[in-house]
């Protein structure tokens, strides 16, 4: 690649490429990221739509919180079953809202550990308000108890 071909004017995300310089030498050249400049906004828009669609399915009762968090972290049934130590069939059942109420607290704690969320988040969703405030849960030494506080969303 020639130096003139590698030039991308995007200061927010810089890359170091090795290119053929104008004088014929081969060496490092700092430039902006073509992918970030042209596609990152589209990626984040699609990611946001994906999360909102999953949240709508959860709120509408189409999926259980287990399925919701599986979608968010993009984990397969088989991998989740292996990490928790249960069968894939059980994981499939737990994704259905009709079977979610039969999960023991001990098993929910295992799911929460895998998803890295407080146990309380299986029964609520933190939503950012219009003024940028968010209900944040902090872990305590008691595994069944979290501290909730209203904080400003960090961007």
N, C-alpha and C. Protein backbone atom coordinates (compact mmCIF):
# COMPACT_ATOMS: atom_id res chain seq x y z
N UNK A 1 0.85 -1.17 0.00
CA UNK A 1 0.00 0.00 0.00
C UNK A 1 0.90 1.23 0.00
N UNK A 2 0.51 2.20 -0.77
CA UNK A 2 1.25 3.46 -0.86
C UNK A 2 0.79 4.40 0.25
N UNK A 3 1.67 5.34 0.61
CA UNK A 3 1.38 6.30 1.66
C UNK A 3 0.13 7.13 1.34
N UNK A 4 -0.04 7.51 0.08
CA UNK A 4 -1.20 8.32 -0.30
C UNK A 4 -2.49 7.52 -0.20
N UNK A 5 -2.44 6.22 -0.42
CA UNK A 5 -3.64 5.37 -0.31
C UNK A 5 -4.05 5.15 1.14
N UNK A 6 -3.08 5.20 2.06
CA UNK A 6 -3.34 4.91 3.46
C UNK A 6 -3.85 6.12 4.23
N UNK A 7 -3.75 7.29 3.68
CA UNK A 7 -4.13 8.53 4.39
C UNK A 7 -5.64 8.59 4.60
N UNK A 8 -6.05 8.62 5.89
CA UNK A 8 -7.45 8.78 6.28
C UNK A 8 -7.49 9.87 7.33
N UNK A 9 -8.25 10.90 7.09
CA UNK A 9 -8.34 12.03 8.02
C UNK A 9 -9.39 11.73 9.08
N UNK A 10 -8.94 11.09 10.18
CA UNK A 10 -9.83 10.77 11.29
C UNK A 10 -8.99 10.70 12.56
N UNK A 11 -8.96 11.79 13.31
CA UNK A 11 -8.08 11.90 14.47
C UNK A 11 -8.54 11.09 15.68
N UNK A 12 -9.81 10.76 15.77
CA UNK A 12 -10.33 10.07 16.95
C UNK A 12 -9.80 8.66 17.11
N UNK A 13 -9.45 8.02 16.01
CA UNK A 13 -8.94 6.64 16.08
C UNK A 13 -7.76 6.54 15.11
N UNK A 14 -6.58 6.56 15.67
CA UNK A 14 -5.36 6.52 14.87
C UNK A 14 -4.80 5.11 14.79
N UNK A 15 -4.18 4.82 13.65
CA UNK A 15 -3.54 3.53 13.41
C UNK A 15 -2.11 3.75 12.95
N UNK A 16 -1.31 2.73 13.12
CA UNK A 16 0.05 2.74 12.60
C UNK A 16 0.12 1.65 11.54
N UNK A 17 0.32 2.06 10.30
CA UNK A 17 0.42 1.13 9.18
C UNK A 17 1.83 1.16 8.62
N UNK A 18 2.25 0.08 8.04
CA UNK A 18 3.52 0.05 7.34
C UNK A 18 3.23 0.13 5.85
N UNK A 19 3.72 1.19 5.24
CA UNK A 19 3.38 1.49 3.85
C UNK A 19 4.64 1.83 3.06
N UNK A 20 4.47 1.87 1.75
CA UNK A 20 5.55 2.32 0.89
C UNK A 20 5.50 3.84 0.85
N UNK A 21 6.57 4.46 1.31
CA UNK A 21 6.65 5.92 1.38
C UNK A 21 6.81 6.50 -0.02
N UNK A 22 6.60 7.80 -0.10
CA UNK A 22 6.72 8.50 -1.39
C UNK A 22 8.14 8.42 -1.95
N UNK A 23 9.13 8.26 -1.06
CA UNK A 23 10.52 8.20 -1.52
C UNK A 23 10.95 6.77 -1.86
N UNK A 24 10.04 5.80 -1.80
CA UNK A 24 10.35 4.42 -2.15
C UNK A 24 10.68 3.54 -0.97
N UNK A 25 10.92 4.11 0.20
CA UNK A 25 11.19 3.31 1.41
C UNK A 25 9.90 2.69 1.93
N UNK A 26 10.09 1.68 2.78
CA UNK A 26 8.95 1.02 3.42
C UNK A 26 9.07 1.30 4.91
N UNK A 27 7.98 1.82 5.53
CA UNK A 27 8.07 2.12 6.94
C UNK A 27 6.73 2.49 7.55
N UNK A 28 6.76 2.87 8.85
CA UNK A 28 5.52 3.18 9.57
C UNK A 28 4.90 4.50 9.11
N UNK A 29 3.56 4.54 9.16
CA UNK A 29 2.81 5.74 8.79
C UNK A 29 1.57 5.81 9.68
N UNK A 30 1.42 6.91 10.39
CA UNK A 30 0.26 7.08 11.27
C UNK A 30 -0.87 7.73 10.49
N UNK A 31 -2.06 7.14 10.62
CA UNK A 31 -3.22 7.63 9.90
C UNK A 31 -4.48 7.31 10.69
N UNK A 32 -5.60 7.80 10.23
CA UNK A 32 -6.88 7.50 10.86
C UNK A 32 -7.42 6.16 10.40
N UNK A 33 -8.40 5.64 11.13
CA UNK A 33 -9.00 4.36 10.80
C UNK A 33 -10.14 4.54 9.79
N UNK A 34 -10.02 3.88 8.65
CA UNK A 34 -11.06 3.94 7.63
C UNK A 34 -12.36 3.32 8.14
N UNK A 35 -12.26 2.17 8.79
CA UNK A 35 -13.46 1.48 9.29
C UNK A 35 -14.18 2.32 10.35
N UNK A 36 -13.42 2.87 11.28
CA UNK A 36 -14.04 3.67 12.33
C UNK A 36 -14.69 4.92 11.74
N UNK A 37 -13.99 5.58 10.85
CA UNK A 37 -14.53 6.80 10.24
C UNK A 37 -15.83 6.53 9.48
N UNK A 38 -15.90 5.42 8.77
CA UNK A 38 -17.03 5.18 7.88
C UNK A 38 -18.11 4.25 8.40
N UNK A 39 -17.80 3.40 9.41
CA UNK A 39 -18.76 2.38 9.78
C UNK A 39 -19.10 2.27 11.26
N UNK A 40 -18.38 2.92 12.14
CA UNK A 40 -18.61 2.71 13.57
C UNK A 40 -19.97 3.25 14.02
N UNK A 41 -20.40 4.37 13.45
CA UNK A 41 -21.72 4.90 13.83
C UNK A 41 -22.83 3.94 13.44
N UNK A 42 -22.72 3.32 12.28
CA UNK A 42 -23.70 2.33 11.84
C UNK A 42 -23.69 1.12 12.77
N UNK A 43 -22.50 0.69 13.18
CA UNK A 43 -22.39 -0.44 14.11
C UNK A 43 -23.11 -0.13 15.41
N UNK A 44 -22.85 1.04 16.00
CA UNK A 44 -23.47 1.39 17.28
C UNK A 44 -24.97 1.57 17.14
N UNK A 45 -25.44 2.08 16.01
CA UNK A 45 -26.88 2.19 15.79
C UNK A 45 -27.53 0.80 15.75
N UNK A 46 -26.90 -0.13 15.05
CA UNK A 46 -27.43 -1.50 14.98
C UNK A 46 -27.36 -2.18 16.34
N UNK A 47 -26.28 -1.96 17.08
CA UNK A 47 -26.13 -2.55 18.41
C UNK A 47 -27.22 -2.02 19.34
N UNK A 48 -27.48 -0.73 19.29
CA UNK A 48 -28.51 -0.12 20.13
C UNK A 48 -29.89 -0.67 19.77
N UNK A 49 -30.18 -0.82 18.47
CA UNK A 49 -31.46 -1.39 18.05
C UNK A 49 -31.60 -2.83 18.53
N UNK A 50 -30.51 -3.60 18.47
CA UNK A 50 -30.52 -4.98 18.94
C UNK A 50 -30.87 -5.05 20.42
N UNK A 51 -30.24 -4.20 21.23
CA UNK A 51 -30.50 -4.18 22.67
C UNK A 51 -31.94 -3.76 22.95
N UNK A 52 -32.42 -2.74 22.24
CA UNK A 52 -33.81 -2.29 22.45
C UNK A 52 -34.81 -3.36 22.03
N UNK A 53 -34.53 -4.09 20.96
CA UNK A 53 -35.41 -5.19 20.53
C UNK A 53 -35.44 -6.30 21.58
N UNK A 54 -34.27 -6.64 22.11
CA UNK A 54 -34.21 -7.69 23.14
C UNK A 54 -34.95 -7.23 24.39
N UNK A 55 -34.79 -5.97 24.76
CA UNK A 55 -35.48 -5.43 25.93
C UNK A 55 -36.99 -5.46 25.73
N UNK A 56 -37.45 -5.13 24.52
CA UNK A 56 -38.90 -5.15 24.23
C UNK A 56 -39.44 -6.57 24.36
N UNK A 57 -38.69 -7.56 23.85
CA UNK A 57 -39.12 -8.96 23.98
C UNK A 57 -39.20 -9.36 25.45
N UNK A 58 -38.26 -8.91 26.25
CA UNK A 58 -38.26 -9.23 27.67
C UNK A 58 -39.46 -8.58 28.36
N UNK A 59 -39.68 -7.31 28.11
CA UNK A 59 -40.78 -6.58 28.74
C UNK A 59 -42.13 -7.12 28.29
N UNK A 60 -42.22 -7.53 27.03
CA UNK A 60 -43.47 -8.08 26.50
C UNK A 60 -43.73 -9.52 26.93
N UNK A 61 -42.79 -10.13 27.63
CA UNK A 61 -42.97 -11.50 28.12
C UNK A 61 -42.69 -12.57 27.09
N UNK A 62 -42.00 -12.23 26.01
CA UNK A 62 -41.69 -13.22 24.99
C UNK A 62 -40.47 -14.07 25.36
N UNK A 63 -39.56 -13.52 26.17
CA UNK A 63 -38.36 -14.24 26.58
C UNK A 63 -38.15 -14.04 28.08
N UNK A 64 -37.36 -14.91 28.67
CA UNK A 64 -37.03 -14.78 30.09
C UNK A 64 -35.78 -13.91 30.24
N UNK A 65 -35.48 -13.47 31.45
CA UNK A 65 -34.24 -12.73 31.66
C UNK A 65 -32.99 -13.52 31.27
N UNK A 66 -33.05 -14.84 31.37
CA UNK A 66 -31.90 -15.67 30.97
C UNK A 66 -31.61 -15.45 29.49
N UNK A 67 -32.64 -15.53 28.66
CA UNK A 67 -32.47 -15.33 27.21
C UNK A 67 -32.00 -13.91 26.92
N UNK A 68 -32.53 -12.94 27.63
CA UNK A 68 -32.15 -11.54 27.44
C UNK A 68 -30.64 -11.36 27.65
N UNK A 69 -30.13 -11.87 28.76
CA UNK A 69 -28.70 -11.72 29.03
C UNK A 69 -27.85 -12.56 28.09
N UNK A 70 -28.37 -13.71 27.65
CA UNK A 70 -27.65 -14.50 26.66
C UNK A 70 -27.47 -13.71 25.37
N UNK A 71 -28.52 -13.01 24.96
CA UNK A 71 -28.44 -12.19 23.76
C UNK A 71 -27.43 -11.05 23.94
N UNK A 72 -27.45 -10.43 25.11
CA UNK A 72 -26.56 -9.29 25.33
C UNK A 72 -25.09 -9.67 25.30
N UNK A 73 -24.74 -10.82 25.88
CA UNK A 73 -23.32 -11.20 25.91
C UNK A 73 -22.96 -12.17 24.79
N UNK A 74 -23.94 -12.54 23.97
CA UNK A 74 -23.73 -13.42 22.82
C UNK A 74 -23.06 -14.73 23.23
N UNK A 75 -23.75 -15.47 24.08
CA UNK A 75 -23.25 -16.76 24.54
C UNK A 75 -24.20 -17.85 24.07
N UNK A 76 -23.65 -18.98 23.67
CA UNK A 76 -24.48 -20.08 23.17
C UNK A 76 -25.07 -20.87 24.34
N UNK A 77 -26.09 -21.64 24.03
CA UNK A 77 -26.71 -22.51 25.04
C UNK A 77 -25.70 -23.52 25.56
N UNK A 78 -24.93 -24.10 24.66
CA UNK A 78 -23.97 -25.13 25.05
C UNK A 78 -22.89 -24.55 25.97
N UNK A 79 -22.37 -23.38 25.63
CA UNK A 79 -21.33 -22.78 26.46
C UNK A 79 -21.87 -22.41 27.84
N UNK A 80 -23.07 -21.85 27.87
CA UNK A 80 -23.69 -21.47 29.14
C UNK A 80 -23.94 -22.71 30.00
N UNK A 81 -24.45 -23.76 29.39
CA UNK A 81 -24.71 -25.00 30.12
C UNK A 81 -23.42 -25.56 30.72
N UNK A 82 -22.35 -25.52 29.96
CA UNK A 82 -21.06 -26.02 30.44
C UNK A 82 -20.55 -25.20 31.60
N UNK A 83 -20.64 -23.89 31.49
CA UNK A 83 -20.15 -23.01 32.56
C UNK A 83 -20.94 -23.19 33.86
N UNK A 84 -22.24 -23.41 33.73
CA UNK A 84 -23.08 -23.53 34.92
C UNK A 84 -23.08 -24.95 35.47
N UNK A 85 -22.90 -25.92 34.59
CA UNK A 85 -22.91 -27.31 35.02
C UNK A 85 -24.28 -27.95 34.94
N UNK A 86 -25.08 -27.53 33.97
CA UNK A 86 -26.40 -28.12 33.75
C UNK A 86 -26.49 -28.54 32.28
N UNK A 87 -27.58 -29.18 31.91
CA UNK A 87 -27.73 -29.64 30.54
C UNK A 87 -28.20 -28.50 29.63
N UNK A 88 -27.95 -28.68 28.35
CA UNK A 88 -28.40 -27.70 27.35
C UNK A 88 -29.92 -27.64 27.35
N UNK A 89 -30.55 -28.78 27.57
CA UNK A 89 -32.02 -28.84 27.62
C UNK A 89 -32.56 -27.93 28.73
N UNK A 90 -31.89 -27.94 29.89
CA UNK A 90 -32.33 -27.07 31.00
C UNK A 90 -32.15 -25.60 30.64
N UNK A 91 -31.03 -25.27 30.00
CA UNK A 91 -30.81 -23.88 29.58
C UNK A 91 -31.90 -23.45 28.62
N UNK A 92 -32.28 -24.32 27.69
CA UNK A 92 -33.36 -24.00 26.75
C UNK A 92 -34.67 -23.73 27.49
N UNK A 93 -34.96 -24.56 28.49
CA UNK A 93 -36.19 -24.35 29.27
C UNK A 93 -36.14 -23.02 30.02
N UNK A 94 -34.99 -22.67 30.57
CA UNK A 94 -34.88 -21.44 31.35
C UNK A 94 -35.02 -20.19 30.49
N UNK A 95 -34.85 -20.31 29.19
CA UNK A 95 -35.03 -19.17 28.29
C UNK A 95 -36.50 -18.85 28.08
N UNK A 96 -37.36 -19.81 28.38
CA UNK A 96 -38.80 -19.64 28.24
C UNK A 96 -39.36 -19.06 29.53
N UNK A 97 -40.15 -18.03 29.42
CA UNK A 97 -40.69 -17.35 30.60
C UNK A 97 -41.54 -18.29 31.46
N UNK A 98 -42.20 -19.27 30.85
CA UNK A 98 -43.04 -20.21 31.60
C UNK A 98 -42.24 -21.06 32.58
N UNK A 99 -40.96 -21.27 32.31
CA UNK A 99 -40.13 -22.11 33.18
C UNK A 99 -39.20 -21.28 34.07
N UNK A 100 -39.13 -19.98 33.84
CA UNK A 100 -38.20 -19.14 34.60
C UNK A 100 -38.52 -19.14 36.09
N UNK A 101 -39.79 -19.17 36.46
CA UNK A 101 -40.15 -19.10 37.88
C UNK A 101 -39.81 -20.37 38.65
N UNK A 102 -39.37 -21.41 37.95
CA UNK A 102 -39.01 -22.67 38.62
C UNK A 102 -37.50 -22.77 38.91
N UNK A 103 -36.73 -21.75 38.51
CA UNK A 103 -35.28 -21.79 38.72
C UNK A 103 -34.99 -21.46 40.18
N UNK A 104 -34.13 -22.24 40.79
CA UNK A 104 -33.77 -21.99 42.19
C UNK A 104 -32.88 -20.75 42.30
N UNK A 105 -32.86 -20.16 43.47
CA UNK A 105 -32.03 -18.98 43.72
C UNK A 105 -30.56 -19.35 43.54
N UNK A 106 -30.16 -20.53 43.96
CA UNK A 106 -28.77 -20.96 43.79
C UNK A 106 -28.38 -21.00 42.31
N UNK A 107 -29.29 -21.50 41.47
CA UNK A 107 -29.00 -21.55 40.04
C UNK A 107 -29.01 -20.14 39.44
N UNK A 108 -29.92 -19.29 39.90
CA UNK A 108 -29.94 -17.89 39.42
C UNK A 108 -28.64 -17.18 39.77
N UNK A 109 -28.08 -17.49 40.94
CA UNK A 109 -26.79 -16.90 41.33
C UNK A 109 -25.69 -17.32 40.37
N UNK A 110 -25.73 -18.58 39.92
CA UNK A 110 -24.74 -19.04 38.94
C UNK A 110 -24.90 -18.30 37.62
N UNK A 111 -26.15 -18.15 37.18
CA UNK A 111 -26.40 -17.38 35.96
C UNK A 111 -25.90 -15.95 36.13
N UNK A 112 -26.20 -15.33 37.26
CA UNK A 112 -25.79 -13.94 37.51
C UNK A 112 -24.27 -13.81 37.46
N UNK A 113 -23.57 -14.80 37.98
CA UNK A 113 -22.11 -14.76 37.95
C UNK A 113 -21.59 -14.83 36.51
N UNK A 114 -22.20 -15.68 35.70
CA UNK A 114 -21.78 -15.80 34.30
C UNK A 114 -22.06 -14.50 33.55
N UNK A 115 -23.24 -13.92 33.77
CA UNK A 115 -23.62 -12.69 33.07
C UNK A 115 -23.00 -11.44 33.69
N UNK A 116 -22.37 -11.60 34.86
CA UNK A 116 -21.74 -10.50 35.59
C UNK A 116 -22.74 -9.38 35.90
N UNK A 117 -23.89 -9.78 36.44
CA UNK A 117 -24.92 -8.84 36.85
C UNK A 117 -25.36 -9.18 38.27
N UNK A 118 -25.89 -8.20 38.99
CA UNK A 118 -26.45 -8.53 40.31
C UNK A 118 -27.68 -9.43 40.14
N UNK A 119 -27.93 -10.24 41.14
CA UNK A 119 -29.08 -11.14 41.12
C UNK A 119 -30.39 -10.36 40.90
N UNK A 120 -30.45 -9.16 41.45
CA UNK A 120 -31.66 -8.33 41.33
C UNK A 120 -31.98 -7.97 39.89
N UNK A 121 -30.96 -7.95 39.00
CA UNK A 121 -31.20 -7.56 37.62
C UNK A 121 -31.97 -8.61 36.82
N UNK A 122 -32.22 -9.79 37.39
CA UNK A 122 -33.09 -10.74 36.73
C UNK A 122 -34.56 -10.34 36.87
N UNK A 123 -34.84 -9.37 37.73
CA UNK A 123 -36.21 -8.97 38.01
C UNK A 123 -36.47 -7.51 37.70
N UNK A 124 -35.48 -6.83 37.10
CA UNK A 124 -35.63 -5.42 36.73
C UNK A 124 -34.58 -5.06 35.69
N UNK A 125 -34.83 -3.96 34.99
CA UNK A 125 -33.86 -3.47 34.01
C UNK A 125 -33.54 -2.02 34.36
N UNK A 126 -32.26 -1.71 34.53
CA UNK A 126 -31.91 -0.30 34.73
C UNK A 126 -32.05 0.45 33.42
N UNK A 127 -32.78 1.55 33.44
CA UNK A 127 -33.02 2.35 32.25
C UNK A 127 -32.57 3.77 32.52
N UNK A 128 -31.85 4.35 31.58
CA UNK A 128 -31.39 5.73 31.72
C UNK A 128 -32.56 6.65 31.43
N UNK A 129 -32.78 7.61 32.32
CA UNK A 129 -33.86 8.56 32.13
C UNK A 129 -33.43 9.65 31.15
N UNK A 130 -34.38 10.50 30.77
CA UNK A 130 -34.09 11.58 29.82
C UNK A 130 -33.05 12.55 30.33
N UNK A 131 -32.96 12.72 31.64
CA UNK A 131 -31.98 13.65 32.19
C UNK A 131 -30.64 12.97 32.50
N UNK A 132 -30.43 11.75 32.01
CA UNK A 132 -29.15 11.08 32.14
C UNK A 132 -28.93 10.38 33.46
N UNK A 133 -29.99 10.17 34.26
CA UNK A 133 -29.84 9.49 35.54
C UNK A 133 -30.09 8.00 35.37
N UNK A 134 -29.37 7.20 36.13
CA UNK A 134 -29.41 5.75 36.02
C UNK A 134 -29.45 5.15 37.41
N UNK A 135 -30.23 4.10 37.58
CA UNK A 135 -30.24 3.37 38.86
C UNK A 135 -29.11 2.36 38.80
N UNK A 136 -28.13 2.52 39.68
CA UNK A 136 -26.95 1.66 39.69
C UNK A 136 -27.00 0.75 40.91
N UNK A 137 -26.68 -0.52 40.70
CA UNK A 137 -26.65 -1.50 41.78
C UNK A 137 -25.21 -1.88 42.08
N UNK A 138 -24.85 -1.87 43.35
CA UNK A 138 -23.51 -2.25 43.76
C UNK A 138 -23.60 -3.52 44.61
N UNK A 139 -22.67 -4.43 44.38
CA UNK A 139 -22.63 -5.68 45.14
C UNK A 139 -22.26 -5.39 46.59
N UNK A 140 -22.78 -6.22 47.46
CA UNK A 140 -22.42 -6.15 48.88
C UNK A 140 -21.86 -7.51 49.28
N UNK A 141 -21.47 -7.64 50.51
CA UNK A 141 -20.97 -8.92 51.00
C UNK A 141 -22.09 -9.96 51.07
N UNK A 142 -23.34 -9.50 51.18
CA UNK A 142 -24.50 -10.39 51.18
C UNK A 142 -24.86 -10.69 49.72
N UNK A 143 -24.78 -11.93 49.27
CA UNK A 143 -25.03 -12.23 47.86
C UNK A 143 -26.48 -12.02 47.42
N UNK A 144 -27.40 -11.85 48.36
CA UNK A 144 -28.81 -11.66 48.02
C UNK A 144 -29.24 -10.20 48.13
N UNK A 145 -28.29 -9.30 48.33
CA UNK A 145 -28.63 -7.91 48.60
C UNK A 145 -27.70 -6.99 47.82
N UNK A 146 -28.28 -5.98 47.15
CA UNK A 146 -27.48 -4.98 46.46
C UNK A 146 -27.89 -3.60 46.94
N UNK A 147 -26.97 -2.65 46.82
CA UNK A 147 -27.25 -1.26 47.16
C UNK A 147 -27.61 -0.54 45.86
N UNK A 148 -28.75 0.11 45.85
CA UNK A 148 -29.18 0.85 44.66
C UNK A 148 -28.97 2.34 44.90
N UNK A 149 -28.44 3.02 43.89
CA UNK A 149 -28.26 4.46 43.98
C UNK A 149 -28.54 5.07 42.61
N UNK A 150 -28.98 6.31 42.63
CA UNK A 150 -29.26 7.03 41.40
C UNK A 150 -28.01 7.85 41.06
N UNK A 151 -27.44 7.60 39.89
CA UNK A 151 -26.21 8.27 39.48
C UNK A 151 -26.38 8.86 38.09
N UNK A 152 -25.49 9.74 37.74
CA UNK A 152 -25.48 10.31 36.40
C UNK A 152 -24.79 9.34 35.46
N UNK A 153 -25.36 9.12 34.29
CA UNK A 153 -24.79 8.18 33.33
C UNK A 153 -23.46 8.70 32.83
N UNK A 154 -22.45 7.80 32.78
CA UNK A 154 -21.13 8.17 32.25
C UNK A 154 -21.10 7.82 30.77
N UNK A 155 -20.61 8.72 29.98
CA UNK A 155 -20.54 8.49 28.53
C UNK A 155 -19.15 8.23 28.08
